[in-house]
Amino acid sequence: MLVIAKFLHDANSIAVMHQQITANATSVDYASRLWQVFRAVIAGALDEMTMLIEDMASEVMGAIERHAQNYSVQALQLDVRTLRLEAK
């Protein structure tokens, strides 16, 4: 896989491709962990507001989750179209 990636991206060496793939995986992992922290903070705030907004807390959290998911896909370029373009 690294050899193929080296040729596709005109990299100087296999080590360079390994570093790029590792950096990308690290970024995705960090973003995932960071979202879990933000999600916990938001969920805690919504729990405290439950008396004010009653049953809407789960709907609000669902909307936040959807927007965060869409942002992550777009920012990390994980959408199907981009992944197919990169594979070519």
N, C-alpha and C. Protein backbone atom coordinates (compact mmCIF):
# COMPACT_ATOMS: atom_id res chain seq x y z
N MET A 1 0.82 -1.18 0.00
CA MET A 1 0.00 0.00 0.00
C MET A 1 0.88 1.26 0.00
N LEU A 2 1.91 1.26 0.79
CA LEU A 2 2.80 2.43 0.84
C LEU A 2 3.53 2.64 -0.48
N VAL A 3 3.93 1.55 -1.12
CA VAL A 3 4.63 1.66 -2.40
C VAL A 3 3.70 2.25 -3.45
N ILE A 4 2.47 1.79 -3.49
CA ILE A 4 1.48 2.31 -4.44
C ILE A 4 1.23 3.79 -4.17
N ALA A 5 1.05 4.14 -2.91
CA ALA A 5 0.82 5.54 -2.54
C ALA A 5 2.01 6.41 -2.93
N LYS A 6 3.22 5.88 -2.76
CA LYS A 6 4.43 6.62 -3.13
C LYS A 6 4.41 6.99 -4.60
N PHE A 7 4.05 6.03 -5.44
CA PHE A 7 4.03 6.29 -6.88
C PHE A 7 2.87 7.20 -7.27
N LEU A 8 1.72 7.03 -6.64
CA LEU A 8 0.56 7.85 -6.97
C LEU A 8 0.76 9.32 -6.59
N HIS A 9 1.49 9.56 -5.52
CA HIS A 9 1.64 10.93 -5.02
C HIS A 9 3.04 11.49 -5.26
N ASP A 10 3.84 10.81 -6.07
CA ASP A 10 5.19 11.26 -6.38
C ASP A 10 5.99 11.63 -5.14
N ALA A 11 5.90 10.80 -4.13
CA ALA A 11 6.64 11.04 -2.89
C ALA A 11 8.10 10.63 -3.08
N ASN A 12 8.96 11.21 -2.27
CA ASN A 12 10.39 10.91 -2.35
C ASN A 12 10.71 9.51 -1.85
N SER A 13 9.95 9.06 -0.87
CA SER A 13 10.24 7.73 -0.31
C SER A 13 8.98 7.15 0.33
N ILE A 14 9.08 5.88 0.64
CA ILE A 14 7.98 5.20 1.32
C ILE A 14 7.82 5.78 2.72
N ALA A 15 8.92 6.17 3.34
CA ALA A 15 8.87 6.75 4.68
C ALA A 15 8.04 8.03 4.71
N VAL A 16 8.15 8.83 3.64
CA VAL A 16 7.37 10.07 3.55
C VAL A 16 5.88 9.74 3.51
N MET A 17 5.51 8.74 2.72
CA MET A 17 4.10 8.34 2.65
C MET A 17 3.63 7.80 3.99
N HIS A 18 4.47 7.03 4.66
CA HIS A 18 4.12 6.49 5.97
C HIS A 18 3.85 7.64 6.95
N GLN A 19 4.70 8.66 6.92
CA GLN A 19 4.52 9.82 7.80
C GLN A 19 3.22 10.56 7.49
N GLN A 20 2.90 10.72 6.21
CA GLN A 20 1.66 11.40 5.84
C GLN A 20 0.44 10.62 6.28
N ILE A 21 0.46 9.31 6.05
CA ILE A 21 -0.68 8.47 6.45
C ILE A 21 -0.83 8.48 7.96
N THR A 22 0.28 8.38 8.67
CA THR A 22 0.25 8.42 10.13
C THR A 22 -0.27 9.76 10.63
N ALA A 23 0.18 10.85 10.03
CA ALA A 23 -0.28 12.19 10.43
C ALA A 23 -1.78 12.33 10.20
N ASN A 24 -2.27 11.83 9.07
CA ASN A 24 -3.70 11.89 8.78
C ASN A 24 -4.50 11.08 9.80
N ALA A 25 -4.03 9.89 10.12
CA ALA A 25 -4.72 9.04 11.09
C ALA A 25 -4.70 9.70 12.47
N THR A 26 -3.60 10.33 12.82
CA THR A 26 -3.49 11.01 14.11
C THR A 26 -4.47 12.18 14.18
N SER A 27 -4.60 12.91 13.08
CA SER A 27 -5.54 14.04 13.04
C SER A 27 -6.98 13.58 13.21
N VAL A 28 -7.34 12.50 12.53
CA VAL A 28 -8.69 11.97 12.64
C VAL A 28 -8.94 11.48 14.06
N ASP A 29 -7.96 10.81 14.66
CA ASP A 29 -8.11 10.33 16.03
C ASP A 29 -8.26 11.49 17.00
N TYR A 30 -7.46 12.53 16.83
CA TYR A 30 -7.53 13.69 17.71
C TYR A 30 -8.89 14.38 17.58
N ALA A 31 -9.36 14.55 16.35
CA ALA A 31 -10.67 15.18 16.14
C ALA A 31 -11.77 14.37 16.80
N SER A 32 -11.68 13.06 16.69
CA SER A 32 -12.68 12.20 17.32
C SER A 32 -12.66 12.34 18.83
N ARG A 33 -11.48 12.36 19.42
CA ARG A 33 -11.36 12.51 20.88
C ARG A 33 -11.83 13.90 21.33
N LEU A 34 -11.48 14.91 20.56
CA LEU A 34 -11.89 16.27 20.91
C LEU A 34 -13.40 16.40 20.86
N TRP A 35 -14.04 15.78 19.86
CA TRP A 35 -15.49 15.83 19.78
C TRP A 35 -16.13 15.17 21.01
N GLN A 36 -15.55 14.09 21.50
CA GLN A 36 -16.09 13.43 22.69
C GLN A 36 -16.05 14.37 23.89
N VAL A 37 -15.00 15.18 24.01
CA VAL A 37 -14.91 16.15 25.10
C VAL A 37 -15.99 17.22 24.95
N PHE A 38 -16.11 17.78 23.73
CA PHE A 38 -17.13 18.79 23.49
C PHE A 38 -18.52 18.22 23.72
N ARG A 39 -18.73 17.00 23.27
CA ARG A 39 -20.03 16.36 23.44
C ARG A 39 -20.39 16.22 24.91
N ALA A 40 -19.42 15.83 25.72
CA ALA A 40 -19.65 15.69 27.16
C ALA A 40 -20.00 17.03 27.80
N VAL A 41 -19.31 18.09 27.39
CA VAL A 41 -19.59 19.42 27.93
C VAL A 41 -21.00 19.86 27.53
N ILE A 42 -21.34 19.66 26.27
CA ILE A 42 -22.67 20.06 25.79
C ILE A 42 -23.75 19.24 26.48
N ALA A 43 -23.54 17.94 26.59
CA ALA A 43 -24.53 17.07 27.24
C ALA A 43 -24.72 17.49 28.70
N GLY A 44 -23.63 17.83 29.39
CA GLY A 44 -23.74 18.29 30.78
C GLY A 44 -24.56 19.57 30.88
N ALA A 45 -24.30 20.50 29.95
CA ALA A 45 -25.05 21.75 29.96
C ALA A 45 -26.53 21.49 29.68
N LEU A 46 -26.82 20.61 28.75
CA LEU A 46 -28.22 20.29 28.44
C LEU A 46 -28.91 19.59 29.60
N ASP A 47 -28.17 18.73 30.31
CA ASP A 47 -28.75 18.08 31.48
C ASP A 47 -29.18 19.10 32.53
N GLU A 48 -28.35 20.13 32.71
CA GLU A 48 -28.69 21.16 33.68
C GLU A 48 -29.87 22.01 33.22
N MET A 49 -30.07 22.11 31.92
CA MET A 49 -31.15 22.92 31.38
C MET A 49 -32.43 22.13 31.15
N THR A 50 -32.44 20.85 31.48
CA THR A 50 -33.58 19.99 31.19
C THR A 50 -34.88 20.55 31.78
N MET A 51 -34.81 21.13 32.95
CA MET A 51 -36.03 21.67 33.56
C MET A 51 -36.58 22.82 32.72
N LEU A 52 -35.72 23.57 32.06
CA LEU A 52 -36.18 24.70 31.25
C LEU A 52 -36.71 24.27 29.89
N ILE A 53 -36.02 23.33 29.26
CA ILE A 53 -36.40 22.94 27.89
C ILE A 53 -37.11 21.60 27.83
N GLU A 54 -37.31 20.96 28.97
CA GLU A 54 -38.03 19.71 29.11
C GLU A 54 -37.53 18.63 28.15
N ASP A 55 -38.40 18.13 27.29
CA ASP A 55 -38.07 16.99 26.43
C ASP A 55 -37.22 17.37 25.21
N MET A 56 -36.93 18.63 25.03
CA MET A 56 -36.19 19.04 23.84
C MET A 56 -34.70 18.80 23.95
N ALA A 57 -34.20 18.44 25.12
CA ALA A 57 -32.75 18.24 25.29
C ALA A 57 -32.22 17.18 24.33
N SER A 58 -32.94 16.07 24.18
CA SER A 58 -32.46 15.02 23.27
C SER A 58 -32.52 15.47 21.81
N GLU A 59 -33.53 16.28 21.46
CA GLU A 59 -33.61 16.80 20.09
C GLU A 59 -32.47 17.78 19.81
N VAL A 60 -32.17 18.63 20.79
CA VAL A 60 -31.06 19.58 20.64
C VAL A 60 -29.75 18.83 20.48
N MET A 61 -29.53 17.82 21.32
CA MET A 61 -28.29 17.04 21.23
C MET A 61 -28.21 16.31 19.89
N GLY A 62 -29.32 15.80 19.40
CA GLY A 62 -29.34 15.14 18.09
C GLY A 62 -28.96 16.10 16.97
N ALA A 63 -29.50 17.31 17.03
CA ALA A 63 -29.17 18.31 16.01
C ALA A 63 -27.69 18.69 16.06
N ILE A 64 -27.17 18.84 17.27
CA ILE A 64 -25.74 19.16 17.43
C ILE A 64 -24.89 18.03 16.88
N GLU A 65 -25.26 16.79 17.18
CA GLU A 65 -24.52 15.61 16.68
C GLU A 65 -24.50 15.59 15.15
N ARG A 66 -25.65 15.84 14.54
CA ARG A 66 -25.73 15.82 13.06
C ARG A 66 -24.84 16.89 12.46
N HIS A 67 -24.90 18.10 13.02
CA HIS A 67 -24.07 19.18 12.49
C HIS A 67 -22.58 18.89 12.70
N ALA A 68 -22.23 18.35 13.84
CA ALA A 68 -20.82 18.01 14.10
C ALA A 68 -20.35 16.92 13.14
N GLN A 69 -21.20 15.93 12.89
CA GLN A 69 -20.86 14.86 11.96
C GLN A 69 -20.65 15.41 10.55
N ASN A 70 -21.56 16.26 10.10
CA ASN A 70 -21.44 16.86 8.77
C ASN A 70 -20.18 17.71 8.66
N TYR A 71 -19.88 18.48 9.72
CA TYR A 71 -18.67 19.29 9.72
C TYR A 71 -17.42 18.42 9.65
N SER A 72 -17.41 17.36 10.44
CA SER A 72 -16.25 16.47 10.47
C SER A 72 -16.01 15.85 9.10
N VAL A 73 -17.07 15.40 8.47
CA VAL A 73 -16.94 14.78 7.15
C VAL A 73 -16.40 15.80 6.16
N GLN A 74 -16.92 17.02 6.22
CA GLN A 74 -16.47 18.05 5.29
C GLN A 74 -15.05 18.52 5.60
N ALA A 75 -14.76 18.79 6.86
CA ALA A 75 -13.45 19.32 7.23
C ALA A 75 -12.34 18.30 7.01
N LEU A 76 -12.61 17.05 7.31
CA LEU A 76 -11.61 16.01 7.15
C LEU A 76 -11.64 15.39 5.76
N GLN A 77 -12.55 15.88 4.93
CA GLN A 77 -12.72 15.41 3.56
C GLN A 77 -12.94 13.90 3.52
N LEU A 78 -13.87 13.44 4.34
CA LEU A 78 -14.19 12.02 4.40
C LEU A 78 -15.44 11.68 3.60
N ASP A 79 -15.97 12.65 2.85
CA ASP A 79 -17.14 12.35 2.05
C ASP A 79 -16.75 11.42 0.90
N VAL A 80 -17.72 10.71 0.40
CA VAL A 80 -17.49 9.67 -0.62
C VAL A 80 -16.83 10.27 -1.86
N ARG A 81 -17.29 11.42 -2.30
CA ARG A 81 -16.78 12.05 -3.53
C ARG A 81 -15.27 12.34 -3.39
N THR A 82 -14.87 12.95 -2.29
CA THR A 82 -13.47 13.30 -2.08
C THR A 82 -12.60 12.04 -1.96
N LEU A 83 -13.09 11.04 -1.24
CA LEU A 83 -12.33 9.82 -1.10
C LEU A 83 -12.12 9.14 -2.45
N ARG A 84 -13.13 9.16 -3.29
CA ARG A 84 -12.98 8.56 -4.63
C ARG A 84 -11.98 9.34 -5.47
N LEU A 85 -12.03 10.68 -5.37
CA LEU A 85 -11.07 11.50 -6.14
C LEU A 85 -9.63 11.23 -5.67
N GLU A 86 -9.46 11.09 -4.37
CA GLU A 86 -8.11 10.81 -3.84
C GLU A 86 -7.60 9.44 -4.27
N ALA A 87 -8.52 8.50 -4.40
CA ALA A 87 -8.13 7.14 -4.77
C ALA A 87 -7.66 7.06 -6.21
N LYS A 88 -8.09 7.99 -7.04
CA LYS A 88 -7.71 7.95 -8.47
C LYS A 88 -6.35 8.45 -8.71
